[in-house]
């Protein structure tokens, strides 16, 4: 008897859980799911459920009627894309030319890291490293006695200190 009651409680709890209902193939489409998945074609930059215009209210009512008639979220979104174009999607699809909208920010970040890396390497490069590359055929460095300005600087520093 106890097993029967426990099994009955598990069946009732399993069927009442909302995640189980959403995962089932016949899950009910909700208005907030659909209205949150569509941009308003009459209020630029706003989702359909945030659009304050009367045309937005008409479109929300259309969504409610389509949900009441049994259409799924995908069918409703497909209808709006056919009528108003891909601009009603809140994010661009990851295909074709729209793929650049997904990849361009990552490319920009990588390019920025590359620029920072090159600049840091240039800023932290020691002068000794530049002189060690003898293969490049660089001009020989001047000695202190060849440079008249360096001689003058050394002379004036000696006069200043002594």
Protein backbone atom coordinates (compact mmCIF):
# COMPACT_ATOMS: atom_id res chain seq x y z
CA UNK A 1 0.00 0.00 0.00
CA UNK A 2 2.83 2.39 0.88
CA UNK A 3 4.53 1.72 -2.46
CA UNK A 4 1.32 2.52 -4.32
CA UNK A 5 0.93 5.85 -2.52
CA UNK A 6 4.61 6.69 -3.13
CA UNK A 7 4.34 5.79 -6.83
CA UNK A 8 1.15 7.86 -7.15
CA UNK A 9 2.84 10.87 -5.50
CA UNK A 10 5.82 10.57 -7.86
CA UNK A 11 3.58 10.41 -10.92
CA UNK A 12 1.62 13.48 -9.81
CA UNK A 13 4.80 15.42 -8.95
CA UNK A 14 6.47 14.44 -12.24
CA UNK A 15 3.49 15.54 -14.33
CA UNK A 16 3.04 18.80 -12.43
CA UNK A 17 6.65 19.95 -12.87
CA UNK A 18 6.84 22.85 -15.41
CA UNK A 19 10.20 21.77 -16.85
CA UNK A 20 8.73 18.43 -17.83
CA UNK A 21 5.84 20.18 -19.54
CA UNK A 22 8.20 22.51 -21.45
CA UNK A 23 10.37 19.61 -22.58
CA UNK A 24 7.48 17.62 -23.99
CA UNK A 25 6.86 17.90 -27.74
CA UNK A 26 3.34 19.25 -27.26
CA UNK A 27 4.49 22.04 -24.94
CA UNK A 28 2.24 25.06 -24.87
CA UNK A 29 3.61 28.23 -26.45
CA UNK A 30 3.40 31.27 -24.20
CA UNK A 31 2.94 34.88 -25.23
CA UNK A 32 6.04 36.07 -23.37
CA UNK A 33 8.22 33.54 -25.23
CA UNK A 34 7.02 34.72 -28.63
CA UNK A 35 6.86 38.45 -27.87
CA UNK A 36 10.36 38.26 -26.37
CA UNK A 37 11.69 36.53 -29.51
CA UNK A 38 10.51 39.27 -31.90
CA UNK A 39 11.63 42.84 -32.43
CA UNK A 40 8.85 45.29 -33.08
CA UNK A 41 8.68 46.34 -36.74
CA UNK A 42 6.97 49.62 -35.73
CA UNK A 43 9.13 50.59 -32.71
CA UNK A 44 12.79 50.48 -33.77
CA UNK A 45 15.10 48.94 -31.21
CA UNK A 46 12.35 47.54 -28.97
CA UNK A 47 11.05 44.05 -28.45
CA UNK A 48 7.44 43.46 -29.41
CA UNK A 49 6.25 43.19 -25.82
CA UNK A 50 7.94 46.56 -24.98
CA UNK A 51 6.51 48.53 -27.91
CA UNK A 52 4.12 51.25 -26.62
CA UNK A 53 2.45 52.10 -29.97
CA UNK A 54 -1.04 51.07 -31.03
CA UNK A 55 0.42 49.14 -33.97
CA UNK A 56 2.53 47.20 -31.47
CA UNK A 57 -0.63 46.39 -29.53
CA UNK A 58 -2.23 45.10 -32.73
CA UNK A 59 0.78 42.90 -33.42
CA UNK A 60 0.70 41.57 -29.85
CA UNK A 61 -2.96 40.73 -30.31
CA UNK A 62 -2.08 38.92 -33.55
CA UNK A 63 0.50 36.88 -31.64
CA UNK A 64 -2.11 36.03 -28.98
CA UNK A 65 -4.57 34.87 -31.66
CA UNK A 66 -1.93 32.72 -33.33
CA UNK A 67 -1.01 31.14 -29.98
CA UNK A 68 -4.71 30.54 -29.24
CA UNK A 69 -5.11 28.86 -32.64
CA UNK A 70 -2.33 26.42 -31.69
CA UNK A 71 0.68 27.69 -33.65
CA UNK A 72 4.13 27.10 -32.18
CA UNK A 73 6.72 29.75 -31.44
CA UNK A 74 8.76 28.77 -34.51
CA UNK A 75 5.72 29.07 -36.79
CA UNK A 76 4.83 32.51 -35.44
CA UNK A 77 8.41 33.77 -35.72
CA UNK A 78 8.62 32.37 -39.27
CA UNK A 79 5.38 34.22 -40.15
CA UNK A 80 6.76 37.53 -38.85
CA UNK A 81 10.05 37.01 -40.72
CA UNK A 82 8.14 36.34 -43.95
CA UNK A 83 5.97 39.44 -43.52
CA UNK A 84 8.44 41.96 -42.03
CA UNK A 85 11.84 40.50 -42.95
CA UNK A 86 14.77 39.37 -40.81
CA UNK A 87 14.81 42.71 -38.99
CA UNK A 88 12.21 41.33 -36.55
CA UNK A 89 14.73 38.84 -35.19
CA UNK A 90 16.46 40.15 -32.04
CA UNK A 91 19.77 38.63 -33.09
CA UNK A 92 21.06 37.93 -36.59
CA UNK A 93 21.04 34.30 -37.74
CA UNK A 94 24.46 32.65 -37.79
CA UNK A 95 24.53 32.03 -41.53
CA UNK A 96 25.69 33.74 -44.71
CA UNK A 97 26.50 37.43 -44.54
CA UNK A 98 24.98 37.66 -41.05
CA UNK A 99 27.83 35.48 -39.83
CA UNK A 100 30.06 38.57 -40.02
CA UNK A 101 27.94 40.17 -37.29
CA UNK A 102 28.94 37.28 -35.03
CA UNK A 103 32.60 37.01 -36.05
CA UNK A 104 33.57 40.69 -36.48
CA UNK A 105 33.59 41.53 -32.74
CA UNK A 106 35.86 38.55 -32.01
CA UNK A 107 38.16 39.57 -34.85
CA UNK A 108 38.31 43.11 -33.48
CA UNK A 109 39.21 41.86 -30.02
CA UNK A 110 41.93 39.59 -31.43
CA UNK A 111 43.33 42.46 -33.53
CA UNK A 112 43.34 44.68 -30.44
CA UNK A 113 45.27 42.06 -28.48
CA UNK A 114 47.73 41.81 -31.37
CA UNK A 115 48.30 45.57 -31.40
CA UNK A 116 48.78 45.64 -27.62
CA UNK A 117 51.22 42.72 -27.85
CA UNK A 118 53.31 44.42 -30.54
CA UNK A 119 53.33 47.74 -28.66
CA UNK A 120 54.32 46.12 -25.37
CA UNK A 121 57.13 44.23 -27.12
CA UNK A 122 58.37 47.46 -28.72
CA UNK A 123 58.18 49.43 -25.46
CA UNK A 124 59.95 46.78 -23.40
CA UNK A 125 62.70 46.03 -25.94
CA UNK A 126 66.09 46.82 -24.44
CA UNK A 127 68.58 48.85 -26.45
CA UNK A 128 71.12 46.02 -25.98
CA UNK A 129 68.93 43.71 -28.07
CA UNK A 130 69.03 46.08 -31.05
CA UNK A 131 72.85 46.19 -31.04
CA UNK A 132 73.29 42.41 -30.89
CA UNK A 133 71.99 41.80 -34.39
CA UNK A 134 75.28 41.98 -36.29
CA UNK A 135 73.87 40.22 -39.36
CA UNK A 136 71.90 43.23 -40.52
CA UNK A 137 74.93 45.21 -41.61
CA UNK A 138 74.23 48.15 -39.34
CA UNK A 139 76.58 51.13 -39.26
CA UNK A 140 79.26 50.91 -36.56
CA UNK A 141 78.45 52.89 -33.45
CA UNK A 142 80.39 56.09 -32.84
CA UNK A 143 82.84 56.25 -30.00
CA UNK A 144 82.67 59.05 -27.48
CA UNK A 145 85.61 60.90 -29.03
CA UNK A 146 83.95 61.06 -32.49
CA UNK A 147 80.89 62.99 -31.37
CA UNK A 148 81.56 66.68 -30.62
CA UNK A 149 78.27 67.12 -28.72
CA UNK A 150 79.02 64.16 -26.49
CA UNK A 151 82.51 65.57 -25.82
CA UNK A 152 81.03 68.93 -24.88
CA UNK A 153 78.47 67.28 -22.59
CA UNK A 154 81.17 65.29 -20.81
CA UNK A 155 83.32 68.41 -20.43
CA UNK A 156 80.48 70.51 -19.01
CA UNK A 157 79.41 67.73 -16.64
CA UNK A 158 83.01 67.51 -15.42
CA UNK A 159 83.10 71.28 -14.84
CA UNK A 160 79.76 71.16 -13.03
CA UNK A 161 80.79 68.36 -10.66
CA UNK A 162 84.33 69.53 -10.01
